[in-house]
Amino acid sequence: MTKYINTNGEVYNGRYVEVDGKRYISPSRAKLIKLGYKEVVVEQPPTDDSEQEILELKRLLAESDYKAIKYAEGWISDEDYAAVKAQRQAWRARINALEGGGA
């Protein structure tokens, strides 16, 4: 989870920020940084085993993204990508099952 914190320790509330008496409604990431907010990544520990498994599966998907991109760009053949594609589909199916969702 990403949070934005300014030099006064104030955390962006997700709706608006006030700087020097001026209110900015739903500012973009770039605007928050320009206004002096810093991006802080806050890792939240998983609350159960299924959340931990989901995080691991999403990490595996992210690590194999470059192969999917190479395939999409034509650098990997259908034959060479088939195993990677099947594994990625299995990972996504498992994530959906753990999250209680469909495809």
PDB file of N, CA and C in Angstrom:
ATOM      1  N   MET A   1       0.845  -1.163   0.000  1.00  0.00           N
ATOM      2  CA  MET A   1       0.000   0.000   0.000  1.00  0.00           C
ATOM      3  C   MET A   1       0.900   1.239   0.000  1.00  0.00           C
ATOM      4  N   THR A   2       0.556   2.209  -0.825  1.00  0.00           N
ATOM      5  CA  THR A   2       1.322   3.448  -0.900  1.00  0.00           C
ATOM      6  C   THR A   2       0.577   4.552  -0.159  1.00  0.00           C
ATOM      7  N   LYS A   3       1.305   5.276   0.659  1.00  0.00           N
ATOM      8  CA  LYS A   3       0.750   6.438   1.351  1.00  0.00           C
ATOM      9  C   LYS A   3       1.598   7.649   0.987  1.00  0.00           C
ATOM     10  N   TYR A   4       1.021   8.814   1.125  1.00  0.00           N
ATOM     11  CA  TYR A   4       1.735  10.059   0.859  1.00  0.00           C
ATOM     12  C   TYR A   4       1.771  10.865   2.144  1.00  0.00           C
ATOM     13  N   ILE A   5       2.979  11.259   2.537  1.00  0.00           N
ATOM     14  CA  ILE A   5       3.175  11.985   3.787  1.00  0.00           C
ATOM     15  C   ILE A   5       3.958  13.253   3.490  1.00  0.00           C
ATOM     16  N   ASN A   6       3.537  14.383   4.076  1.00  0.00           N
ATOM     17  CA  ASN A   6       4.279  15.625   3.847  1.00  0.00           C
ATOM     18  C   ASN A   6       5.323  15.827   4.941  1.00  0.00           C
ATOM     19  N   THR A   7       6.064  16.918   4.861  1.00  0.00           N
ATOM     20  CA  THR A   7       7.154  17.178   5.802  1.00  0.00           C
ATOM     21  C   THR A   7       6.665  17.420   7.223  1.00  0.00           C
ATOM     22  N   ASN A   8       5.373  17.737   7.381  1.00  0.00           N
ATOM     23  CA  ASN A   8       4.796  17.927   8.716  1.00  0.00           C
ATOM     24  C   ASN A   8       4.284  16.613   9.309  1.00  0.00           C
ATOM     25  N   GLY A   9       4.441  15.520   8.567  1.00  0.00           N
ATOM     26  CA  GLY A   9       3.964  14.226   9.036  1.00  0.00           C
ATOM     27  C   GLY A   9       2.495  13.977   8.764  1.00  0.00           C
ATOM     28  N   GLU A  10       1.864  14.869   7.996  1.00  0.00           N
ATOM     29  CA  GLU A  10       0.449  14.699   7.670  1.00  0.00           C
ATOM     30  C   GLU A  10       0.316  13.692   6.532  1.00  0.00           C
ATOM     31  N   VAL A  11      -0.638  12.781   6.676  1.00  0.00           N
ATOM     32  CA  VAL A  11      -0.868  11.741   5.677  1.00  0.00           C
ATOM     33  C   VAL A  11      -2.027  12.163   4.784  1.00  0.00           C
ATOM     34  N   TYR A  12      -1.829  12.020   3.460  1.00  0.00           N
ATOM     35  CA  TYR A  12      -2.894  12.320   2.496  1.00  0.00           C
ATOM     36  C   TYR A  12      -4.067  11.390   2.769  1.00  0.00           C
ATOM     37  N   ASN A  13      -5.268  11.951   2.897  1.00  0.00           N
ATOM     38  CA  ASN A  13      -6.449  11.188   3.289  1.00  0.00           C
ATOM     39  C   ASN A  13      -7.164  10.506   2.129  1.00  0.00           C
ATOM     40  N   GLY A  14      -6.646  10.654   0.910  1.00  0.00           N
ATOM     41  CA  GLY A  14      -7.270  10.019  -0.238  1.00  0.00           C
ATOM     42  C   GLY A  14      -8.340  10.858  -0.905  1.00  0.00           C
ATOM     43  N   ARG A  15      -8.664  12.011  -0.310  1.00  0.00           N
ATOM     44  CA  ARG A  15      -9.704  12.868  -0.876  1.00  0.00           C
ATOM     45  C   ARG A  15      -9.179  14.230  -1.282  1.00  0.00           C
ATOM     46  N   TYR A  16      -8.462  14.880  -0.377  1.00  0.00           N
ATOM     47  CA  TYR A  16      -7.969  16.215  -0.664  1.00  0.00           C
ATOM     48  C   TYR A  16      -6.772  16.522   0.225  1.00  0.00           C
ATOM     49  N   VAL A  17      -6.022  17.565  -0.160  1.00  0.00           N
ATOM     50  CA  VAL A  17      -4.954  18.091   0.689  1.00  0.00           C
ATOM     51  C   VAL A  17      -5.110  19.597   0.737  1.00  0.00           C
ATOM     52  N   GLU A  18      -4.663  20.173   1.829  1.00  0.00           N
ATOM     53  CA  GLU A  18      -4.655  21.628   1.949  1.00  0.00           C
ATOM     54  C   GLU A  18      -3.218  22.070   2.143  1.00  0.00           C
ATOM     55  N   VAL A  19      -2.784  22.983   1.273  1.00  0.00           N
ATOM     56  CA  VAL A  19      -1.427  23.518   1.346  1.00  0.00           C
ATOM     57  C   VAL A  19      -1.533  25.031   1.254  1.00  0.00           C
ATOM     58  N   ASP A  20      -0.996  25.707   2.254  1.00  0.00           N
ATOM     59  CA  ASP A  20      -1.026  27.172   2.298  1.00  0.00           C
ATOM     60  C   ASP A  20      -2.434  27.719   2.100  1.00  0.00           C
ATOM     61  N   GLY A  21      -3.408  27.065   2.730  1.00  0.00           N
ATOM     62  CA  GLY A  21      -4.782  27.532   2.670  1.00  0.00           C
ATOM     63  C   GLY A  21      -5.521  27.185   1.396  1.00  0.00           C
ATOM     64  N   LYS A  22      -4.869  26.494   0.480  1.00  0.00           N
ATOM     65  CA  LYS A  22      -5.513  26.122  -0.775  1.00  0.00           C
ATOM     66  C   LYS A  22      -5.820  24.628  -0.739  1.00  0.00           C
ATOM     67  N   ARG A  23      -7.049  24.260  -1.132  1.00  0.00           N
ATOM     68  CA  ARG A  23      -7.477  22.860  -1.105  1.00  0.00           C
ATOM     69  C   ARG A  23      -7.364  22.262  -2.506  1.00  0.00           C
ATOM     70  N   TYR A  24      -6.726  21.089  -2.579  1.00  0.00           N
ATOM     71  CA  TYR A  24      -6.585  20.343  -3.832  1.00  0.00           C
ATOM     72  C   TYR A  24      -7.410  19.060  -3.699  1.00  0.00           C
ATOM     73  N   ILE A  25      -8.444  18.930  -4.527  1.00  0.00           N
ATOM     74  CA  ILE A  25      -9.331  17.775  -4.479  1.00  0.00           C
ATOM     75  C   ILE A  25      -8.757  16.669  -5.366  1.00  0.00           C
ATOM     76  N   SER A  26      -8.618  15.479  -4.801  1.00  0.00           N
ATOM     77  CA  SER A  26      -8.108  14.293  -5.509  1.00  0.00           C
ATOM     78  C   SER A  26      -6.878  14.604  -6.365  1.00  0.00           C
ATOM     79  N   PRO A  27      -5.811  15.115  -5.756  1.00  0.00           N
ATOM     80  CA  PRO A  27      -4.619  15.444  -6.544  1.00  0.00           C
ATOM     81  C   PRO A  27      -3.943  14.188  -7.085  1.00  0.00           C
ATOM     82  N   SER A  28      -3.300  14.331  -8.228  1.00  0.00           N
ATOM     83  CA  SER A  28      -2.566  13.214  -8.824  1.00  0.00           C
ATOM     84  C   SER A  28      -1.305  12.944  -8.015  1.00  0.00           C
ATOM     85  N   ARG A  29      -0.682  11.825  -8.281  1.00  0.00           N
ATOM     86  CA  ARG A  29       0.579  11.469  -7.622  1.00  0.00           C
ATOM     87  C   ARG A  29       1.608  12.563  -7.861  1.00  0.00           C
ATOM     88  N   ALA A  30       1.710  13.004  -9.112  1.00  0.00           N
ATOM     89  CA  ALA A  30       2.684  14.043  -9.465  1.00  0.00           C
ATOM     90  C   ALA A  30       2.406  15.341  -8.696  1.00  0.00           C
ATOM     91  N   LYS A  31       1.132  15.699  -8.561  1.00  0.00           N
ATOM     92  CA  LYS A  31       0.768  16.924  -7.843  1.00  0.00           C
ATOM     93  C   LYS A  31       1.111  16.798  -6.363  1.00  0.00           C
ATOM     94  N   LEU A  32       0.841  15.624  -5.769  1.00  0.00           N
ATOM     95  CA  LEU A  32       1.179  15.417  -4.360  1.00  0.00           C
ATOM     96  C   LEU A  32       2.675  15.595  -4.137  1.00  0.00           C
ATOM     97  N   ILE A  33       3.471  15.036  -5.009  1.00  0.00           N
ATOM     98  CA  ILE A  33       4.926  15.144  -4.875  1.00  0.00           C
ATOM     99  C   ILE A  33       5.360  16.594  -5.053  1.00  0.00           C
ATOM    100  N   LYS A  34       4.748  17.295  -6.012  1.00  0.00           N
ATOM    101  CA  LYS A  34       5.065  18.708  -6.237  1.00  0.00           C
ATOM    102  C   LYS A  34       4.699  19.557  -5.015  1.00  0.00           C
ATOM    103  N   LEU A  35       3.657  19.125  -4.296  1.00  0.00           N
ATOM    104  CA  LEU A  35       3.221  19.841  -3.098  1.00  0.00           C
ATOM    105  C   LEU A  35       4.039  19.477  -1.865  1.00  0.00           C
ATOM    106  N   GLY A  36       5.043  18.620  -2.032  1.00  0.00           N
ATOM    107  CA  GLY A  36       5.930  18.290  -0.924  1.00  0.00           C
ATOM    108  C   GLY A  36       5.637  16.990  -0.205  1.00  0.00           C
ATOM    109  N   TYR A  37       4.728  16.198  -0.760  1.00  0.00           N
ATOM    110  CA  TYR A  37       4.442  14.899  -0.155  1.00  0.00           C
ATOM    111  C   TYR A  37       5.443  13.870  -0.670  1.00  0.00           C
ATOM    112  N   LYS A  38       5.786  12.932   0.175  1.00  0.00           N
ATOM    113  CA  LYS A  38       6.678  11.843  -0.214  1.00  0.00           C
ATOM    114  C   LYS A  38       5.875  10.558  -0.247  1.00  0.00           C
ATOM    115  N   GLU A  39       6.231   9.701  -1.214  1.00  0.00           N
ATOM    116  CA  GLU A  39       5.584   8.407  -1.353  1.00  0.00           C
ATOM    117  C   GLU A  39       6.228   7.424  -0.378  1.00  0.00           C
ATOM    118  N   VAL A  40       5.419   6.758   0.404  1.00  0.00           N
ATOM    119  CA  VAL A  40       5.911   5.780   1.361  1.00  0.00           C
ATOM    120  C   VAL A  40       5.148   4.479   1.135  1.00  0.00           C
ATOM    121  N   VAL A  41       5.881   3.396   0.890  1.00  0.00           N
ATOM    122  CA  VAL A  41       5.246   2.098   0.706  1.00  0.00           C
ATOM    123  C   VAL A  41       5.133   1.429   2.065  1.00  0.00           C
ATOM    124  N   VAL A  42       3.917   1.075   2.417  1.00  0.00           N
ATOM    125  CA  VAL A  42       3.657   0.450   3.705  1.00  0.00           C
ATOM    126  C   VAL A  42       3.258  -1.002   3.443  1.00  0.00           C
ATOM    127  N   GLU A  43       4.091  -1.920   3.891  1.00  0.00           N
ATOM    128  CA  GLU A  43       3.793  -3.336   3.737  1.00  0.00           C
ATOM    129  C   GLU A  43       2.887  -3.762   4.878  1.00  0.00           C
ATOM    130  N   GLN A  44       1.781  -4.358   4.526  1.00  0.00           N
ATOM    131  CA  GLN A  44       0.888  -4.874   5.545  1.00  0.00           C
ATOM    132  C   GLN A  44       1.063  -6.390   5.603  1.00  0.00           C
ATOM    133  N   PRO A  45       1.379  -6.923   6.772  1.00  0.00           N
ATOM    134  CA  PRO A  45       1.557  -8.364   6.857  1.00  0.00           C
ATOM    135  C   PRO A  45       0.251  -9.089   6.568  1.00  0.00           C
ATOM    136  N   PRO A  46       0.323 -10.205   5.871  1.00  0.00           N
ATOM    137  CA  PRO A  46      -0.886 -10.967   5.586  1.00  0.00           C
ATOM    138  C   PRO A  46      -1.540 -11.439   6.893  1.00  0.00           C
ATOM    139  N   THR A  47      -2.854 -11.506   6.874  1.00  0.00           N
ATOM    140  CA  THR A  47      -3.553 -11.908   8.088  1.00  0.00           C
ATOM    141  C   THR A  47      -3.762 -13.420   8.157  1.00  0.00           C
ATOM    142  N   ASP A  48      -3.628 -14.119   7.031  1.00  0.00           N
ATOM    143  CA  ASP A  48      -3.775 -15.568   7.071  1.00  0.00           C
ATOM    144  C   ASP A  48      -2.966 -16.215   5.950  1.00  0.00           C
ATOM    145  N   ASP A  49      -2.967 -17.532   5.931  1.00  0.00           N
ATOM    146  CA  ASP A  49      -2.176 -18.276   4.944  1.00  0.00           C
ATOM    147  C   ASP A  49      -2.620 -18.008   3.512  1.00  0.00           C
ATOM    148  N   SER A  50      -3.937 -17.836   3.283  1.00  0.00           N
ATOM    149  CA  SER A  50      -4.406 -17.605   1.918  1.00  0.00           C
ATOM    150  C   SER A  50      -3.900 -16.260   1.394  1.00  0.00           C
ATOM    151  N   GLU A  51      -3.856 -15.248   2.249  1.00  0.00           N
ATOM    152  CA  GLU A  51      -3.326 -13.949   1.816  1.00  0.00           C
ATOM    153  C   GLU A  51      -1.843 -14.067   1.476  1.00  0.00           C
ATOM    154  N   GLN A  52      -1.121 -14.843   2.271  1.00  0.00           N
ATOM    155  CA  GLN A  52       0.309 -15.054   1.994  1.00  0.00           C
ATOM    156  C   GLN A  52       0.482 -15.767   0.657  1.00  0.00           C
ATOM    157  N   GLU A  53      -0.349 -16.763   0.385  1.00  0.00           N
ATOM    158  CA  GLU A  53      -0.270 -17.490  -0.878  1.00  0.00           C
ATOM    159  C   GLU A  53      -0.605 -16.574  -2.055  1.00  0.00           C
ATOM    160  N   ILE A  54      -1.604 -15.725  -1.888  1.00  0.00           N
ATOM    161  CA  ILE A  54      -1.975 -14.777  -2.946  1.00  0.00           C
ATOM    162  C   ILE A  54      -0.800 -13.839  -3.245  1.00  0.00           C
ATOM    163  N   LEU A  55      -0.164 -13.327  -2.200  1.00  0.00           N
ATOM    164  CA  LEU A  55       0.997 -12.449  -2.402  1.00  0.00           C
ATOM    165  C   LEU A  55       2.108 -13.161  -3.161  1.00  0.00           C
ATOM    166  N   GLU A  56       2.361 -14.410  -2.809  1.00  0.00           N
ATOM    167  CA  GLU A  56       3.404 -15.185  -3.481  1.00  0.00           C
ATOM    168  C   GLU A  56       3.042 -15.433  -4.940  1.00  0.00           C
ATOM    169  N   LEU A  57       1.800 -15.772  -5.208  1.00  0.00           N
ATOM    170  CA  LEU A  57       1.367 -15.999  -6.588  1.00  0.00           C
ATOM    171  C   LEU A  57       1.461 -14.721  -7.418  1.00  0.00           C
ATOM    172  N   LYS A  58       1.094 -13.597  -6.831  1.00  0.00           N
ATOM    173  CA  LYS A  58       1.198 -12.318  -7.543  1.00  0.00           C
ATOM    174  C   LYS A  58       2.658 -11.956  -7.795  1.00  0.00           C
ATOM    175  N   ARG A  59       3.539 -12.323  -6.868  1.00  0.00           N
ATOM    176  CA  ARG A  59       4.972 -12.096  -7.077  1.00  0.00           C
ATOM    177  C   ARG A  59       5.464 -12.930  -8.259  1.00  0.00           C
ATOM    178  N   LEU A  60       5.038 -14.183  -8.332  1.00  0.00           N
ATOM    179  CA  LEU A  60       5.429 -15.056  -9.439  1.00  0.00           C
ATOM    180  C   LEU A  60       4.915 -14.510 -10.772  1.00  0.00           C
ATOM    181  N   LEU A  61       3.679 -14.015 -10.775  1.00  0.00           N
ATOM    182  CA  LEU A  61       3.145 -13.406 -12.001  1.00  0.00           C
ATOM    183  C   LEU A  61       3.981 -12.200 -12.418  1.00  0.00           C
ATOM    184  N   ALA A  62       4.309 -11.362 -11.454  1.00  0.00           N
ATOM    185  CA  ALA A  62       5.104 -10.161 -11.756  1.00  0.00           C
ATOM    186  C   ALA A  62       6.479 -10.547 -12.304  1.00  0.00           C
ATOM    187  N   GLU A  63       7.072 -11.587 -11.731  1.00  0.00           N
ATOM    188  CA  GLU A  63       8.394 -12.019 -12.194  1.00  0.00           C
ATOM    189  C   GLU A  63       8.357 -12.592 -13.601  1.00  0.00           C
ATOM    190  N   SER A  64       7.215 -13.102 -14.023  1.00  0.00           N
ATOM    191  CA  SER A  64       7.126 -13.671 -15.372  1.00  0.00           C
ATOM    192  C   SER A  64       6.510 -12.698 -16.380  1.00  0.00           C
ATOM    193  N   ASP A  65       6.201 -11.484 -15.950  1.00  0.00           N
ATOM    194  CA  ASP A  65       5.632 -10.481 -16.858  1.00  0.00           C
ATOM    195  C   ASP A  65       6.531 -10.226 -18.065  1.00  0.00           C
ATOM    196  N   TYR A  66       7.839 -10.221 -17.851  1.00  0.00           N
ATOM    197  CA  TYR A  66       8.735  -9.914 -18.956  1.00  0.00           C
ATOM    198  C   TYR A  66       8.612 -10.951 -20.069  1.00  0.00           C
ATOM    199  N   LYS A  67       8.322 -12.220 -19.710  1.00  0.00           N
ATOM    200  CA  LYS A  67       8.140 -13.253 -20.732  1.00  0.00           C
ATOM    201  C   LYS A  67       6.855 -13.002 -21.511  1.00  0.00           C
ATOM    202  N   ALA A  68       5.804 -12.573 -20.811  1.00  0.00           N
ATOM    203  CA  ALA A  68       4.537 -12.263 -21.477  1.00  0.00           C
ATOM    204  C   ALA A  68       4.712 -11.089 -22.432  1.00  0.00           C
ATOM    205  N   ILE A  69       5.494 -10.114 -22.016  1.00  0.00           N
ATOM    206  CA  ILE A  69       5.749  -8.951 -22.879  1.00  0.00           C
ATOM    207  C   ILE A  69       6.561  -9.364 -24.094  1.00  0.00           C
ATOM    208  N   LYS A  70       7.602 -10.177 -23.874  1.00  0.00           N
ATOM    209  CA  LYS A  70       8.412 -10.650 -25.002  1.00  0.00           C
ATOM    210  C   LYS A  70       7.551 -11.439 -25.988  1.00  0.00           C
ATOM    211  N   TYR A  71       6.637 -12.242 -25.471  1.00  0.00           N
ATOM    212  CA  TYR A  71       5.734 -13.002 -26.328  1.00  0.00           C
ATOM    213  C   TYR A  71       4.833 -12.046 -27.122  1.00  0.00           C
ATOM    214  N   ALA A  72       4.258 -11.073 -26.432  1.00  0.00           N
ATOM    215  CA  ALA A  72       3.369 -10.109 -27.089  1.00  0.00           C
ATOM    216  C   ALA A  72       4.090  -9.322 -28.177  1.00  0.00           C
ATOM    217  N   GLU A  73       5.385  -9.078 -27.963  1.00  0.00           N
ATOM    218  CA  GLU A  73       6.178  -8.334 -28.942  1.00  0.00           C
ATOM    219  C   GLU A  73       6.735  -9.223 -30.040  1.00  0.00           C
ATOM    220  N   GLY A  74       6.475 -10.530 -29.957  1.00  0.00           N
ATOM    221  CA  GLY A  74       6.910 -11.436 -31.011  1.00  0.00           C
ATOM    222  C   GLY A  74       8.304 -12.019 -30.835  1.00  0.00           C
ATOM    223  N   TRP A  75       8.883 -11.862 -29.671  1.00  0.00           N
ATOM    224  CA  TRP A  75      10.244 -12.356 -29.432  1.00  0.00           C
ATOM    225  C   TRP A  75      10.265 -13.808 -28.988  1.00  0.00           C
ATOM    226  N   ILE A  76       9.116 -14.334 -28.560  1.00  0.00           N
ATOM    227  CA  ILE A  76       9.012 -15.731 -28.136  1.00  0.00           C
ATOM    228  C   ILE A  76       7.903 -16.384 -28.960  1.00  0.00           C
ATOM    229  N   SER A  77       8.151 -17.599 -29.435  1.00  0.00           N
ATOM    230  CA  SER A  77       7.162 -18.306 -30.255  1.00  0.00           C
ATOM    231  C   SER A  77       6.023 -18.844 -29.389  1.00  0.00           C
ATOM    232  N   ASP A  78       4.914 -19.187 -30.051  1.00  0.00           N
ATOM    233  CA  ASP A  78       3.779 -19.793 -29.358  1.00  0.00           C
ATOM    234  C   ASP A  78       4.224 -21.044 -28.611  1.00  0.00           C
ATOM    235  N   GLU A  79       5.029 -21.832 -29.270  1.00  0.00           N
ATOM    236  CA  GLU A  79       5.511 -23.087 -28.690  1.00  0.00           C
ATOM    237  C   GLU A  79       6.355 -22.840 -27.443  1.00  0.00           C
ATOM    238  N   ASP A  80       7.249 -21.870 -27.505  1.00  0.00           N
ATOM    239  CA  ASP A  80       8.117 -21.576 -26.370  1.00  0.00           C
ATOM    240  C   ASP A  80       7.360 -20.926 -25.208  1.00  0.00           C
ATOM    241  N   TYR A  81       6.294 -20.223 -25.519  1.00  0.00           N
ATOM    242  CA  TYR A  81       5.542 -19.518 -24.477  1.00  0.00           C
ATOM    243  C   TYR A  81       4.441 -20.372 -23.851  1.00  0.00           C
ATOM    244  N   ALA A  82       4.084 -21.476 -24.482  1.00  0.00           N
ATOM    245  CA  ALA A  82       2.939 -22.291 -24.041  1.00  0.00           C
ATOM    246  C   ALA A  82       3.031 -22.689 -22.568  1.00  0.00           C
ATOM    247  N   ALA A  83       4.178 -23.148 -22.115  1.00  0.00           N
ATOM    248  CA  ALA A  83       4.327 -23.587 -20.721  1.00  0.00           C
ATOM    249  C   ALA A  83       4.194 -22.406 -19.754  1.00  0.00           C
ATOM    250  N   VAL A  84       4.780 -21.271 -20.129  1.00  0.00           N
ATOM    251  CA  VAL A  84       4.695 -20.070 -19.282  1.00  0.00           C
ATOM    252  C   VAL A  84       3.235 -19.611 -19.203  1.00  0.00           C
ATOM    253  N   LYS A  85       2.560 -19.618 -20.343  1.00  0.00           N
ATOM    254  CA  LYS A  85       1.158 -19.198 -20.381  1.00  0.00           C
ATOM    255  C   LYS A  85       0.293 -20.092 -19.500  1.00  0.00           C
ATOM    256  N   ALA A  86       0.493 -21.406 -19.586  1.00  0.00           N
ATOM    257  CA  ALA A  86      -0.284 -22.344 -18.774  1.00  0.00           C
ATOM    258  C   ALA A  86      -0.033 -22.113 -17.279  1.00  0.00           C
ATOM    259  N   GLN A  87       1.231 -21.882 -16.927  1.00  0.00           N
ATOM    260  CA  GLN A  87       1.557 -21.655 -15.518  1.00  0.00           C
ATOM    261  C   GLN A  87       0.925 -20.367 -15.011  1.00  0.00           C
ATOM    262  N   ARG A  88       0.987 -19.296 -15.810  1.00  0.00           N
ATOM    263  CA  ARG A  88       0.394 -18.022 -15.422  1.00  0.00           C
ATOM    264  C   ARG A  88      -1.121 -18.148 -15.267  1.00  0.00           C
ATOM    265  N   GLN A  89      -1.763 -18.903 -16.163  1.00  0.00           N
ATOM    266  CA  GLN A  89      -3.210 -19.122 -16.063  1.00  0.00           C
ATOM    267  C   GLN A  89      -3.547 -19.880 -14.779  1.00  0.00           C
ATOM    268  N   ALA A  90      -2.720 -20.864 -14.440  1.00  0.00           N
ATOM    269  CA  ALA A  90      -2.939 -21.633 -13.208  1.00  0.00           C
ATOM    270  C   ALA A  90      -2.785 -20.740 -11.978  1.00  0.00           C
ATOM    271  N   TRP A  91      -1.788 -19.882 -11.990  1.00  0.00           N
ATOM    272  CA  TRP A  91      -1.582 -18.962 -10.864  1.00  0.00           C
ATOM    273  C   TRP A  91      -2.777 -18.025 -10.702  1.00  0.00           C
ATOM    274  N   ARG A  92      -3.260 -17.473 -11.830  1.00  0.00           N
ATOM    275  CA  ARG A  92      -4.414 -16.567 -11.758  1.00  0.00           C
ATOM    276  C   ARG A  92      -5.668 -17.300 -11.283  1.00  0.00           C
ATOM    277  N   ALA A  93      -5.854 -18.531 -11.752  1.00  0.00           N
ATOM    278  CA  ALA A  93      -7.012 -19.319 -11.323  1.00  0.00           C
ATOM    279  C   ALA A  93      -6.951 -19.574  -9.813  1.00  0.00           C
ATOM    280  N   ARG A  94      -5.755 -19.867  -9.302  1.00  0.00           N
ATOM    281  CA  ARG A  94      -5.600 -20.117  -7.872  1.00  0.00           C
ATOM    282  C   ARG A  94      -5.881 -18.845  -7.071  1.00  0.00           C
ATOM    283  N   ILE A  95      -5.387 -17.705  -7.554  1.00  0.00           N
ATOM    284  CA  ILE A  95      -5.666 -16.427  -6.895  1.00  0.00           C
ATOM    285  C   ILE A  95      -7.172 -16.179  -6.845  1.00  0.00           C
ATOM    286  N   ASN A  96      -7.848 -16.390  -7.975  1.00  0.00           N
ATOM    287  CA  ASN A  96      -9.292 -16.180  -8.022  1.00  0.00           C
ATOM    288  C   ASN A  96     -10.017 -17.102  -7.051  1.00  0.00           C
ATOM    289  N   ALA A  97      -9.571 -18.341  -6.949  1.00  0.00           N
ATOM    290  CA  ALA A  97     -10.186 -19.287  -6.023  1.00  0.00           C
ATOM    291  C   ALA A  97      -9.979 -18.840  -4.582  1.00  0.00           C
ATOM    292  N   LEU A  98      -8.766 -18.405  -4.263  1.00  0.00           N
ATOM    293  CA  LEU A  98      -8.482 -17.952  -2.891  1.00  0.00           C
ATOM    294  C   LEU A  98      -9.249 -16.687  -2.538  1.00  0.00           C
ATOM    295  N   GLU A  99      -9.442 -15.828  -3.523  1.00  0.00           N
ATOM    296  CA  GLU A  99     -10.178 -14.585  -3.283  1.00  0.00           C
ATOM    297  C   GLU A  99     -11.686 -14.793  -3.324  1.00  0.00           C
ATOM    298  N   GLY A 100     -12.084 -15.993  -3.707  1.00  0.00           N
ATOM    299  CA  GLY A 100     -13.514 -16.300  -3.751  1.00  0.00           C
ATOM    300  C   GLY A 100     -14.208 -15.730  -4.956  1.00  0.00           C
ATOM    301  N   GLY A 101     -13.405 -15.391  -5.986  1.00  0.00           N
ATOM    302  CA  GLY A 101     -13.982 -14.800  -7.198  1.00  0.00           C
ATOM    303  C   GLY A 101     -14.000 -15.768  -8.353  1.00  0.00           C
ATOM    304  N   GLY A 102     -14.539 -15.286  -9.433  1.00  0.00           N
ATOM    305  CA  GLY A 102     -14.564 -16.079 -10.669  1.00  0.00           C
ATOM    306  C   GLY A 102     -13.378 -15.763 -11.517  1.00  0.00           C
ATOM    307  N   ALA A 103     -13.518 -15.981 -12.815  1.00  0.00           N
ATOM    308  CA  ALA A 103     -12.433 -15.735 -13.760  1.00  0.00           C
ATOM    309  C   ALA A 103     -12.144 -14.295 -13.779  1.00  0.00           C
TER     310      ALA A 103
END
